[in-house]
Amino acid sequence: MTSVLFDAPGPRAKRRNVLYSVVFLVALAAVVWWVYDGLNSKHQLDWVKWEPFFTSSQPWETYLWPGLQNTLKAAFFALLIALPLGALFGIGRLSEHRSVRMPSGVVVEFFRAIPVLILMITANAAYSEFTTLSSDVRPLYAVVTGLVLYNASVLAEIVRAGILSLPQGQTDAAKAIGMRKGQTMRYVLLPQSVTAMLPAIVSQIVVIVKDTALGGAVLTFPELLASVRPMAANYGANTIACFTVVALIYIVVNFALTSFASWLERRLRRAKKSTGAVVGAAPGGGLEIIDAPPLKVADGSGS
């Protein structure tokens, strides 16, 4: 089958593709065997190193579950603050007023350019110097602060790009029926851009969850990845097994987030197809959004 962008391969091209596939599979098998042989020769695949995770609840209750709780706690608070803050700065960058647009742009570009690790270290030093926070909770505050400052700036760009992706006719139509700027943003632009922004927002949530590990590596924040060192020391230097289990936990958590986001996106798209809205006059003057079922247009067939 031939199209504008693709030509059907001929006999020689098909043979080359088969040869490339075979070479790739052989190379992949060789790499897998090399990794397996190296781990096996170092006794990292011995059952005694993996047994604690399958036969005892102690590593889960003592190390993994507390670490996962701290990871999710830091990610939750960071998202709770960064999401509305990012939406605020994203909308601020679209303002027609220079006094709002310029400061919003400076803040977003400044914190987006700084690595999140530097923000965490700076926040930790600031909390140590200028506050009376105890050393037990200071790493949590520093991790959340760094995540908020960086991810709020990234989310601001996501919100701005999502709103700008909408056709200009949406804004023109809202102005034509007399809606104010705030009403246009609240009732027309933001609801439509949420669906477009959702995949990028979820990707940033996954980044937030993974970036909590930076606090464990530098600020002694007891998150999930930081539990590997004491756990491996307690169970006979089973570092590979500990890292593998922790990696699987990260995969499960992030897969759950992306699956929920996909379900929510499908639900939002179905809701947009099945519901409508009518703009009417409010009792005290101005405009009011009234939910209403979609209008049915006759097709002229008499049915």
C-alpha atoms as a PDB file:
ATOM      1  CA  MET A   1       0.000   0.000   0.000  1.00  0.00           C
ATOM      2  CA  THR A   2       1.380   3.375  -1.052  1.00  0.00           C
ATOM      3  CA  SER A   3       0.396   6.775   0.291  1.00  0.00           C
ATOM      4  CA  VAL A   4       1.733  10.317   0.101  1.00  0.00           C
ATOM      5  CA  LEU A   5       3.934   9.780   3.181  1.00  0.00           C
ATOM      6  CA  PHE A   6       4.793   6.091   2.796  1.00  0.00           C
ATOM      7  CA  ASP A   7       5.932   3.834  -0.048  1.00  0.00           C
ATOM      8  CA  ALA A   8       5.283   0.128   0.235  1.00  0.00           C
ATOM      9  CA  PRO A   9       8.624  -1.696   0.644  1.00  0.00           C
ATOM     10  CA  GLY A  10       9.778  -3.895  -2.176  1.00  0.00           C
ATOM     11  CA  PRO A  11      11.301  -7.393  -1.877  1.00  0.00           C
ATOM     12  CA  ARG A  12      14.810  -6.103  -1.108  1.00  0.00           C
ATOM     13  CA  ALA A  13      13.533  -3.635   1.507  1.00  0.00           C
ATOM     14  CA  LYS A  14      11.509  -6.390   3.161  1.00  0.00           C
ATOM     15  CA  ARG A  15      14.595  -8.608   3.354  1.00  0.00           C
ATOM     16  CA  ARG A  16      16.607  -5.751   4.870  1.00  0.00           C
ATOM     17  CA  ASN A  17      13.878  -5.111   7.457  1.00  0.00           C
ATOM     18  CA  VAL A  18      13.859  -8.783   8.430  1.00  0.00           C
ATOM     19  CA  LEU A  19      17.660  -8.767   8.693  1.00  0.00           C
ATOM     20  CA  TYR A  20      17.644  -5.616  10.857  1.00  0.00           C
ATOM     21  CA  SER A  21      14.992  -7.147  13.123  1.00  0.00           C
ATOM     22  CA  VAL A  22      16.998 -10.348  13.569  1.00  0.00           C
ATOM     23  CA  VAL A  23      20.207  -8.419  14.307  1.00  0.00           C
ATOM     24  CA  PHE A  24      18.399  -6.232  16.851  1.00  0.00           C
ATOM     25  CA  LEU A  25      16.855  -9.249  18.625  1.00  0.00           C
ATOM     26  CA  VAL A  26      20.219 -11.015  18.765  1.00  0.00           C
ATOM     27  CA  ALA A  27      21.903  -7.895  20.185  1.00  0.00           C
ATOM     28  CA  LEU A  28      19.103  -7.461  22.725  1.00  0.00           C
ATOM     29  CA  ALA A  29      19.382 -11.096  23.800  1.00  0.00           C
ATOM     30  CA  ALA A  30      23.146 -10.671  24.201  1.00  0.00           C
ATOM     31  CA  VAL A  31      22.696  -7.596  26.415  1.00  0.00           C
ATOM     32  CA  VAL A  32      20.077  -9.379  28.535  1.00  0.00           C
ATOM     33  CA  TRP A  33      22.350 -12.395  28.960  1.00  0.00           C
ATOM     34  CA  TRP A  34      25.312 -10.136  29.857  1.00  0.00           C
ATOM     35  CA  VAL A  35      23.266  -8.395  32.565  1.00  0.00           C
ATOM     36  CA  TYR A  36      21.907 -11.699  33.884  1.00  0.00           C
ATOM     37  CA  ASP A  37      25.339 -13.334  33.971  1.00  0.00           C
ATOM     38  CA  GLY A  38      26.849 -10.343  35.767  1.00  0.00           C
ATOM     39  CA  LEU A  39      24.143 -10.285  38.427  1.00  0.00           C
ATOM     40  CA  ASN A  40      24.252 -14.047  38.855  1.00  0.00           C
ATOM     41  CA  SER A  41      28.032 -14.102  39.236  1.00  0.00           C
ATOM     42  CA  LYS A  42      27.742 -11.483  41.998  1.00  0.00           C
ATOM     43  CA  HIS A  43      25.038 -13.615  43.698  1.00  0.00           C
ATOM     44  CA  GLN A  44      22.516 -10.789  43.374  1.00  0.00           C
ATOM     45  CA  LEU A  45      19.873 -13.182  42.022  1.00  0.00           C
ATOM     46  CA  ASP A  46      20.117 -15.642  44.906  1.00  0.00           C
ATOM     47  CA  TRP A  47      16.774 -16.320  46.518  1.00  0.00           C
ATOM     48  CA  VAL A  48      18.093 -15.372  49.954  1.00  0.00           C
ATOM     49  CA  LYS A  49      18.389 -11.735  48.813  1.00  0.00           C
ATOM     50  CA  TRP A  50      14.820 -11.588  47.445  1.00  0.00           C
ATOM     51  CA  GLU A  51      13.148 -13.735  50.077  1.00  0.00           C
ATOM     52  CA  PRO A  52      12.420 -10.954  52.653  1.00  0.00           C
ATOM     53  CA  PHE A  53      10.082  -9.157  50.226  1.00  0.00           C
ATOM     54  CA  PHE A  54       7.987 -12.299  49.685  1.00  0.00           C
ATOM     55  CA  THR A  55       8.060 -14.067  53.029  1.00  0.00           C
ATOM     56  CA  SER A  56       8.070 -11.256  55.587  1.00  0.00           C
ATOM     57  CA  SER A  57       6.141  -8.042  56.106  1.00  0.00           C
ATOM     58  CA  GLN A  58       8.992  -6.372  58.002  1.00  0.00           C
ATOM     59  CA  PRO A  59      10.697  -4.670  55.001  1.00  0.00           C
ATOM     60  CA  TRP A  60       7.324  -3.320  53.861  1.00  0.00           C
ATOM     61  CA  GLU A  61       6.223  -2.071  57.268  1.00  0.00           C
ATOM     62  CA  THR A  62       9.614  -0.782  58.414  1.00  0.00           C
ATOM     63  CA  TYR A  63      11.088   0.726  55.244  1.00  0.00           C
ATOM     64  CA  LEU A  64       8.956   0.713  52.103  1.00  0.00           C
ATOM     65  CA  TRP A  65       5.561   1.822  53.405  1.00  0.00           C
ATOM     66  CA  PRO A  66       6.883   4.741  55.543  1.00  0.00           C
ATOM     67  CA  GLY A  67       9.045   5.854  52.626  1.00  0.00           C
ATOM     68  CA  LEU A  68       6.113   5.679  50.209  1.00  0.00           C
ATOM     69  CA  GLN A  69       3.969   7.656  52.640  1.00  0.00           C
ATOM     70  CA  ASN A  70       6.558  10.438  52.794  1.00  0.00           C
ATOM     71  CA  THR A  71       6.906  10.445  49.001  1.00  0.00           C
ATOM     72  CA  LEU A  72       3.168  10.738  48.472  1.00  0.00           C
ATOM     73  CA  LYS A  73       2.844  13.329  51.242  1.00  0.00           C
ATOM     74  CA  ALA A  74       5.475  15.605  49.710  1.00  0.00           C
ATOM     75  CA  ALA A  75       4.045  15.142  46.209  1.00  0.00           C
ATOM     76  CA  PHE A  76       0.490  15.818  47.415  1.00  0.00           C
ATOM     77  CA  PHE A  77       1.338  19.065  49.212  1.00  0.00           C
ATOM     78  CA  ALA A  78       3.511  20.223  46.317  1.00  0.00           C
ATOM     79  CA  LEU A  79       0.726  19.576  43.805  1.00  0.00           C
ATOM     80  CA  LEU A  80      -1.904  21.112  46.065  1.00  0.00           C
ATOM     81  CA  ILE A  81       0.023  24.392  46.120  1.00  0.00           C
ATOM     82  CA  ALA A  82       1.661  24.340  42.677  1.00  0.00           C
ATOM     83  CA  LEU A  83      -1.482  23.662  40.618  1.00  0.00           C
ATOM     84  CA  PRO A  84      -3.517  26.764  41.608  1.00  0.00           C
ATOM     85  CA  LEU A  85      -0.347  28.854  41.741  1.00  0.00           C
ATOM     86  CA  GLY A  86       0.616  27.737  38.246  1.00  0.00           C
ATOM     87  CA  ALA A  87      -2.892  28.446  36.938  1.00  0.00           C
ATOM     88  CA  LEU A  88      -2.724  31.922  38.476  1.00  0.00           C
ATOM     89  CA  PHE A  89       0.617  32.779  36.870  1.00  0.00           C
ATOM     90  CA  GLY A  90      -0.406  31.151  33.577  1.00  0.00           C
ATOM     91  CA  ILE A  91      -3.509  33.318  33.361  1.00  0.00           C
ATOM     92  CA  GLY A  92      -1.457  36.299  34.534  1.00  0.00           C
ATOM     93  CA  ARG A  93       0.889  35.888  31.564  1.00  0.00           C
ATOM     94  CA  LEU A  94      -2.131  36.242  29.270  1.00  0.00           C
ATOM     95  CA  SER A  95      -3.321  39.451  30.916  1.00  0.00           C
ATOM     96  CA  GLU A  96      -3.713  42.543  28.764  1.00  0.00           C
ATOM     97  CA  HIS A  97      -2.278  44.631  31.602  1.00  0.00           C
ATOM     98  CA  ARG A  98       1.489  44.979  31.425  1.00  0.00           C
ATOM     99  CA  SER A  99       1.724  45.405  35.212  1.00  0.00           C
ATOM    100  CA  VAL A 100       0.338  41.873  35.612  1.00  0.00           C
ATOM    101  CA  ARG A 101       1.811  40.193  32.543  1.00  0.00           C
ATOM    102  CA  MET A 102       5.438  41.252  33.050  1.00  0.00           C
ATOM    103  CA  PRO A 103       5.875  40.217  36.727  1.00  0.00           C
ATOM    104  CA  SER A 104       4.149  36.910  36.009  1.00  0.00           C
ATOM    105  CA  GLY A 105       6.516  36.251  33.123  1.00  0.00           C
ATOM    106  CA  VAL A 106       9.587  37.133  35.183  1.00  0.00           C
ATOM    107  CA  VAL A 107       8.588  34.807  38.023  1.00  0.00           C
ATOM    108  CA  VAL A 108       7.769  31.908  35.676  1.00  0.00           C
ATOM    109  CA  GLU A 109      10.940  32.220  33.594  1.00  0.00           C
ATOM    110  CA  PHE A 110      13.145  32.654  36.668  1.00  0.00           C
ATOM    111  CA  PHE A 111      12.019  29.582  38.597  1.00  0.00           C
ATOM    112  CA  ARG A 112      11.635  27.467  35.449  1.00  0.00           C
ATOM    113  CA  ALA A 113      15.320  28.032  34.638  1.00  0.00           C
ATOM    114  CA  ILE A 114      16.661  26.928  38.037  1.00  0.00           C
ATOM    115  CA  PRO A 115      17.166  23.181  38.718  1.00  0.00           C
ATOM    116  CA  VAL A 116      14.744  21.912  41.322  1.00  0.00           C
ATOM    117  CA  LEU A 117      17.619  20.503  43.407  1.00  0.00           C
ATOM    118  CA  ILE A 118      19.096  23.993  43.851  1.00  0.00           C
ATOM    119  CA  LEU A 119      15.686  25.281  44.928  1.00  0.00           C
ATOM    120  CA  MET A 120      15.424  22.514  47.533  1.00  0.00           C
ATOM    121  CA  ILE A 121      18.895  23.171  48.926  1.00  0.00           C
ATOM    122  CA  THR A 122      18.284  26.938  49.048  1.00  0.00           C
ATOM    123  CA  ALA A 123      14.918  26.456  50.757  1.00  0.00           C
ATOM    124  CA  ASN A 124      16.480  24.123  53.321  1.00  0.00           C
ATOM    125  CA  ALA A 125      19.225  26.672  54.093  1.00  0.00           C
ATOM    126  CA  ALA A 126      16.656  29.465  54.352  1.00  0.00           C
ATOM    127  CA  TYR A 127      14.460  27.482  56.734  1.00  0.00           C
ATOM    128  CA  SER A 128      17.495  26.623  58.847  1.00  0.00           C
ATOM    129  CA  GLU A 129      18.671  30.247  58.988  1.00  0.00           C
ATOM    130  CA  PHE A 130      15.452  32.227  59.325  1.00  0.00           C
ATOM    131  CA  THR A 131      12.920  29.873  60.964  1.00  0.00           C
ATOM    132  CA  THR A 132      12.653  27.721  64.054  1.00  0.00           C
ATOM    133  CA  LEU A 133      11.597  24.556  62.223  1.00  0.00           C
ATOM    134  CA  SER A 134      13.035  21.420  63.752  1.00  0.00           C
ATOM    135  CA  SER A 135      15.463  19.294  61.778  1.00  0.00           C
ATOM    136  CA  ASP A 136      12.854  16.526  61.635  1.00  0.00           C
ATOM    137  CA  VAL A 137      10.343  18.447  59.499  1.00  0.00           C
ATOM    138  CA  ARG A 138      12.706  20.867  57.750  1.00  0.00           C
ATOM    139  CA  PRO A 139      13.561  18.456  54.882  1.00  0.00           C
ATOM    140  CA  LEU A 140       9.853  17.999  54.098  1.00  0.00           C
ATOM    141  CA  TYR A 141       9.290  21.755  53.970  1.00  0.00           C
ATOM    142  CA  ALA A 142      12.373  22.234  51.784  1.00  0.00           C
ATOM    143  CA  VAL A 143      11.364  19.482  49.348  1.00  0.00           C
ATOM    144  CA  VAL A 144       7.807  20.811  49.035  1.00  0.00           C
ATOM    145  CA  THR A 145       9.051  24.393  48.584  1.00  0.00           C
ATOM    146  CA  GLY A 146      11.469  23.420  45.822  1.00  0.00           C
ATOM    147  CA  LEU A 147       8.855  21.328  44.051  1.00  0.00           C
ATOM    148  CA  VAL A 148       6.264  24.108  44.288  1.00  0.00           C
ATOM    149  CA  LEU A 149       8.532  26.851  42.943  1.00  0.00           C
ATOM    150  CA  TYR A 150       9.716  24.809  39.973  1.00  0.00           C
ATOM    151  CA  ASN A 151       6.548  22.956  39.042  1.00  0.00           C
ATOM    152  CA  ALA A 152       4.270  25.971  39.477  1.00  0.00           C
ATOM    153  CA  SER A 153       6.296  27.738  36.778  1.00  0.00           C
ATOM    154  CA  VAL A 154       6.078  24.699  34.488  1.00  0.00           C
ATOM    155  CA  LEU A 155       2.340  24.322  35.115  1.00  0.00           C
ATOM    156  CA  ALA A 156       1.909  28.026  34.345  1.00  0.00           C
ATOM    157  CA  GLU A 157       3.319  27.429  30.869  1.00  0.00           C
ATOM    158  CA  ILE A 158       1.052  24.400  30.439  1.00  0.00           C
ATOM    159  CA  VAL A 159      -2.002  26.469  31.359  1.00  0.00           C
ATOM    160  CA  ARG A 160      -0.940  29.313  29.084  1.00  0.00           C
ATOM    161  CA  ALA A 161      -0.300  26.971  26.153  1.00  0.00           C
ATOM    162  CA  GLY A 162      -3.602  25.162  26.719  1.00  0.00           C
ATOM    163  CA  ILE A 163      -5.586  28.394  26.630  1.00  0.00           C
ATOM    164  CA  LEU A 164      -3.714  29.707  23.584  1.00  0.00           C
ATOM    165  CA  SER A 165      -4.412  26.441  21.733  1.00  0.00           C
ATOM    166  CA  LEU A 166      -8.128  27.276  21.600  1.00  0.00           C
ATOM    167  CA  PRO A 167      -9.458  28.965  18.454  1.00  0.00           C
ATOM    168  CA  GLN A 168      -9.688  32.737  18.620  1.00  0.00           C
ATOM    169  CA  GLY A 169     -13.340  32.409  17.659  1.00  0.00           C
ATOM    170  CA  GLN A 170     -14.150  31.189  21.174  1.00  0.00           C
ATOM    171  CA  THR A 171     -13.062  34.507  22.668  1.00  0.00           C
ATOM    172  CA  ASP A 172     -14.714  36.504  19.876  1.00  0.00           C
ATOM    173  CA  ALA A 173     -18.007  34.677  20.374  1.00  0.00           C
ATOM    174  CA  ALA A 174     -17.921  35.304  24.121  1.00  0.00           C
ATOM    175  CA  LYS A 175     -17.299  39.011  23.517  1.00  0.00           C
ATOM    176  CA  ALA A 176     -20.109  39.114  20.969  1.00  0.00           C
ATOM    177  CA  ILE A 177     -22.696  38.023  23.546  1.00  0.00           C
ATOM    178  CA  GLY A 178     -21.415  40.535  26.087  1.00  0.00           C
ATOM    179  CA  MET A 179     -19.318  38.376  28.397  1.00  0.00           C
ATOM    180  CA  ARG A 180     -16.626  40.135  30.392  1.00  0.00           C
ATOM    181  CA  LYS A 181     -12.968  39.022  30.337  1.00  0.00           C
ATOM    182  CA  GLY A 182     -13.271  37.180  33.635  1.00  0.00           C
ATOM    183  CA  GLN A 183     -16.432  35.389  32.493  1.00  0.00           C
ATOM    184  CA  THR A 184     -14.803  34.443  29.194  1.00  0.00           C
ATOM    185  CA  MET A 185     -11.845  32.902  30.987  1.00  0.00           C
ATOM    186  CA  ARG A 186     -13.981  31.209  33.642  1.00  0.00           C
ATOM    187  CA  TYR A 187     -16.845  29.845  31.561  1.00  0.00           C
ATOM    188  CA  VAL A 188     -15.430  29.485  28.041  1.00  0.00           C
ATOM    189  CA  LEU A 189     -11.635  29.161  27.853  1.00  0.00           C
ATOM    190  CA  LEU A 190     -10.643  27.277  30.999  1.00  0.00           C
ATOM    191  CA  PRO A 191     -13.317  24.518  30.784  1.00  0.00           C
ATOM    192  CA  GLN A 192     -12.391  23.779  27.163  1.00  0.00           C
ATOM    193  CA  SER A 193      -8.637  23.857  27.713  1.00  0.00           C
ATOM    194  CA  VAL A 194      -8.684  21.478  30.697  1.00  0.00           C
ATOM    195  CA  THR A 195      -9.046  18.424  28.480  1.00  0.00           C
ATOM    196  CA  ALA A 196      -6.146  19.534  26.289  1.00  0.00           C
ATOM    197  CA  MET A 197      -3.950  20.314  29.300  1.00  0.00           C
ATOM    198  CA  LEU A 198      -4.700  17.124  31.237  1.00  0.00           C
ATOM    199  CA  PRO A 199      -2.025  14.844  29.688  1.00  0.00           C
ATOM    200  CA  ALA A 200       0.701  17.447  30.257  1.00  0.00           C
ATOM    201  CA  ILE A 201      -0.496  18.094  33.810  1.00  0.00           C
ATOM    202  CA  VAL A 202      -0.422  14.377  34.616  1.00  0.00           C
ATOM    203  CA  SER A 203       3.083  14.103  33.163  1.00  0.00           C
ATOM    204  CA  GLN A 204       4.140  16.900  35.496  1.00  0.00           C
ATOM    205  CA  ILE A 205       2.526  15.119  38.457  1.00  0.00           C
ATOM    206  CA  VAL A 206       4.641  12.056  37.636  1.00  0.00           C
ATOM    207  CA  VAL A 207       7.713  14.321  37.586  1.00  0.00           C
ATOM    208  CA  ILE A 208       6.751  15.677  41.010  1.00  0.00           C
ATOM    209  CA  VAL A 209       6.481  12.172  42.458  1.00  0.00           C
ATOM    210  CA  LYS A 210       9.894  11.180  41.099  1.00  0.00           C
ATOM    211  CA  ASP A 211      11.613  14.444  42.063  1.00  0.00           C
ATOM    212  CA  THR A 212      10.876  13.814  45.732  1.00  0.00           C
ATOM    213  CA  ALA A 213      13.811  11.387  45.529  1.00  0.00           C
ATOM    214  CA  LEU A 214      16.159  14.380  45.244  1.00  0.00           C
ATOM    215  CA  GLY A 215      15.255  15.339  48.800  1.00  0.00           C
ATOM    216  CA  GLY A 216      16.216  11.895  50.016  1.00  0.00           C
ATOM    217  CA  ALA A 217      19.554  11.980  48.209  1.00  0.00           C
ATOM    218  CA  VAL A 218      20.627  15.441  49.412  1.00  0.00           C
ATOM    219  CA  LEU A 219      18.463  16.583  52.329  1.00  0.00           C
ATOM    220  CA  THR A 220      18.043  13.247  54.175  1.00  0.00           C
ATOM    221  CA  PHE A 221      14.313  13.344  53.538  1.00  0.00           C
ATOM    222  CA  PRO A 222      13.071   9.798  54.376  1.00  0.00           C
ATOM    223  CA  GLU A 223      11.221   9.148  51.121  1.00  0.00           C
ATOM    224  CA  LEU A 224      10.847   5.884  49.197  1.00  0.00           C
ATOM    225  CA  LEU A 225      14.214   5.791  47.423  1.00  0.00           C
ATOM    226  CA  ALA A 226      16.057   6.759  50.613  1.00  0.00           C
ATOM    227  CA  SER A 227      14.785   3.553  52.220  1.00  0.00           C
ATOM    228  CA  VAL A 228      17.050   1.463  49.972  1.00  0.00           C
ATOM    229  CA  ARG A 229      20.277   2.102  51.902  1.00  0.00           C
ATOM    230  CA  PRO A 230      19.126   1.021  55.402  1.00  0.00           C
ATOM    231  CA  MET A 231      17.037  -1.782  53.940  1.00  0.00           C
ATOM    232  CA  ALA A 232      19.947  -3.203  51.921  1.00  0.00           C
ATOM    233  CA  ALA A 233      22.251  -2.953  54.931  1.00  0.00           C
ATOM    234  CA  ASN A 234      19.750  -4.838  57.084  1.00  0.00           C
ATOM    235  CA  TYR A 235      19.114  -7.677  54.614  1.00  0.00           C
ATOM    236  CA  GLY A 236      22.579  -8.725  53.540  1.00  0.00           C
ATOM    237  CA  ALA A 237      23.593  -6.173  50.906  1.00  0.00           C
ATOM    238  CA  ASN A 238      20.702  -7.005  48.579  1.00  0.00           C
ATOM    239  CA  THR A 239      20.976  -3.630  46.828  1.00  0.00           C
ATOM    240  CA  ILE A 240      19.750  -4.830  43.434  1.00  0.00           C
ATOM    241  CA  ALA A 241      16.671  -6.452  44.963  1.00  0.00           C
ATOM    242  CA  CYS A 242      15.857  -3.307  46.960  1.00  0.00           C
ATOM    243  CA  PHE A 243      16.242  -1.013  43.957  1.00  0.00           C
ATOM    244  CA  THR A 244      14.118  -3.356  41.847  1.00  0.00           C
ATOM    245  CA  VAL A 245      11.282  -3.408  44.371  1.00  0.00           C
ATOM    246  CA  VAL A 246      11.389   0.376  44.793  1.00  0.00           C
ATOM    247  CA  ALA A 247      11.385   0.850  41.005  1.00  0.00           C
ATOM    248  CA  LEU A 248       8.341  -1.420  40.694  1.00  0.00           C
ATOM    249  CA  ILE A 249       6.534   0.639  43.344  1.00  0.00           C
ATOM    250  CA  TYR A 250       7.274   3.836  41.399  1.00  0.00           C
ATOM    251  CA  ILE A 251       5.976   2.180  38.224  1.00  0.00           C
ATOM    252  CA  VAL A 252       2.749   1.103  39.925  1.00  0.00           C
ATOM    253  CA  VAL A 253       2.124   4.551  41.428  1.00  0.00           C
ATOM    254  CA  ASN A 254       2.814   6.421  38.201  1.00  0.00           C
ATOM    255  CA  PHE A 255       0.820   3.933  36.132  1.00  0.00           C
ATOM    256  CA  ALA A 256      -2.124   4.435  38.483  1.00  0.00           C
ATOM    257  CA  LEU A 257      -1.853   8.215  37.993  1.00  0.00           C
ATOM    258  CA  THR A 258      -1.755   7.973  34.199  1.00  0.00           C
ATOM    259  CA  SER A 259      -4.612   5.452  34.132  1.00  0.00           C
ATOM    260  CA  PHE A 260      -6.763   7.724  36.275  1.00  0.00           C
ATOM    261  CA  ALA A 261      -5.922  10.676  34.034  1.00  0.00           C
ATOM    262  CA  SER A 262      -6.890   8.705  30.919  1.00  0.00           C
ATOM    263  CA  TRP A 263     -10.194   7.725  32.510  1.00  0.00           C
ATOM    264  CA  LEU A 264     -10.851  11.323  33.573  1.00  0.00           C
ATOM    265  CA  GLU A 265     -10.023  12.639  30.090  1.00  0.00           C
ATOM    266  CA  ARG A 266     -12.443  10.194  28.454  1.00  0.00           C
ATOM    267  CA  ARG A 267     -15.121  11.159  30.949  1.00  0.00           C
ATOM    268  CA  LEU A 268     -14.612  14.874  30.298  1.00  0.00           C
ATOM    269  CA  ARG A 269     -14.818  14.349  26.544  1.00  0.00           C
ATOM    270  CA  ARG A 270     -18.042  12.355  26.903  1.00  0.00           C
ATOM    271  CA  ALA A 271     -19.463  15.031  29.186  1.00  0.00           C
ATOM    272  CA  LYS A 272     -18.720  17.706  26.589  1.00  0.00           C
ATOM    273  CA  LYS A 273     -20.524  15.705  23.915  1.00  0.00           C
ATOM    274  CA  SER A 274     -23.574  14.970  26.062  1.00  0.00           C
ATOM    275  CA  THR A 275     -24.171  18.300  27.797  1.00  0.00           C
ATOM    276  CA  GLY A 276     -24.517  21.897  26.751  1.00  0.00           C
ATOM    277  CA  ALA A 277     -24.815  25.324  28.306  1.00  0.00           C
ATOM    278  CA  VAL A 278     -27.034  28.328  27.659  1.00  0.00           C
ATOM    279  CA  VAL A 279     -26.104  31.894  28.537  1.00  0.00           C
ATOM    280  CA  GLY A 280     -28.947  33.878  30.013  1.00  0.00           C
ATOM    281  CA  ALA A 281     -29.577  37.071  31.928  1.00  0.00           C
ATOM    282  CA  ALA A 282     -28.934  36.959  35.662  1.00  0.00           C
ATOM    283  CA  PRO A 283     -31.630  38.335  38.015  1.00  0.00           C
ATOM    284  CA  GLY A 284     -29.404  41.190  39.181  1.00  0.00           C
ATOM    285  CA  GLY A 285     -28.130  42.047  35.734  1.00  0.00           C
ATOM    286  CA  GLY A 286     -25.204  40.691  33.736  1.00  0.00           C
ATOM    287  CA  LEU A 287     -24.877  37.156  32.409  1.00  0.00           C
ATOM    288  CA  GLU A 288     -25.435  33.758  33.943  1.00  0.00           C
ATOM    289  CA  ILE A 289     -24.462  30.303  32.694  1.00  0.00           C
ATOM    290  CA  ILE A 290     -27.459  27.979  32.746  1.00  0.00           C
ATOM    291  CA  ASP A 291     -26.935  24.245  32.191  1.00  0.00           C
ATOM    292  CA  ALA A 292     -29.190  22.847  29.529  1.00  0.00           C
ATOM    293  CA  PRO A 293     -29.324  19.739  27.321  1.00  0.00           C
ATOM    294  CA  PRO A 294     -27.950  20.039  23.811  1.00  0.00           C
ATOM    295  CA  LEU A 295     -30.279  21.432  21.183  1.00  0.00           C
ATOM    296  CA  LYS A 296     -31.580  19.084  18.510  1.00  0.00           C
ATOM    297  CA  VAL A 297     -31.511  20.475  15.000  1.00  0.00           C
ATOM    298  CA  ALA A 298     -34.052  19.171  12.529  1.00  0.00           C
ATOM    299  CA  ASP A 299     -32.537  17.566   9.460  1.00  0.00           C
ATOM    300  CA  GLY A 300     -35.432  18.542   7.201  1.00  0.00           C
ATOM    301  CA  SER A 301     -36.553  14.957   6.634  1.00  0.00           C
ATOM    302  CA  GLY A 302     -39.752  15.389   8.586  1.00  0.00           C
ATOM    303  CA  SER A 303     -38.742  12.892  11.275  1.00  0.00           C
END
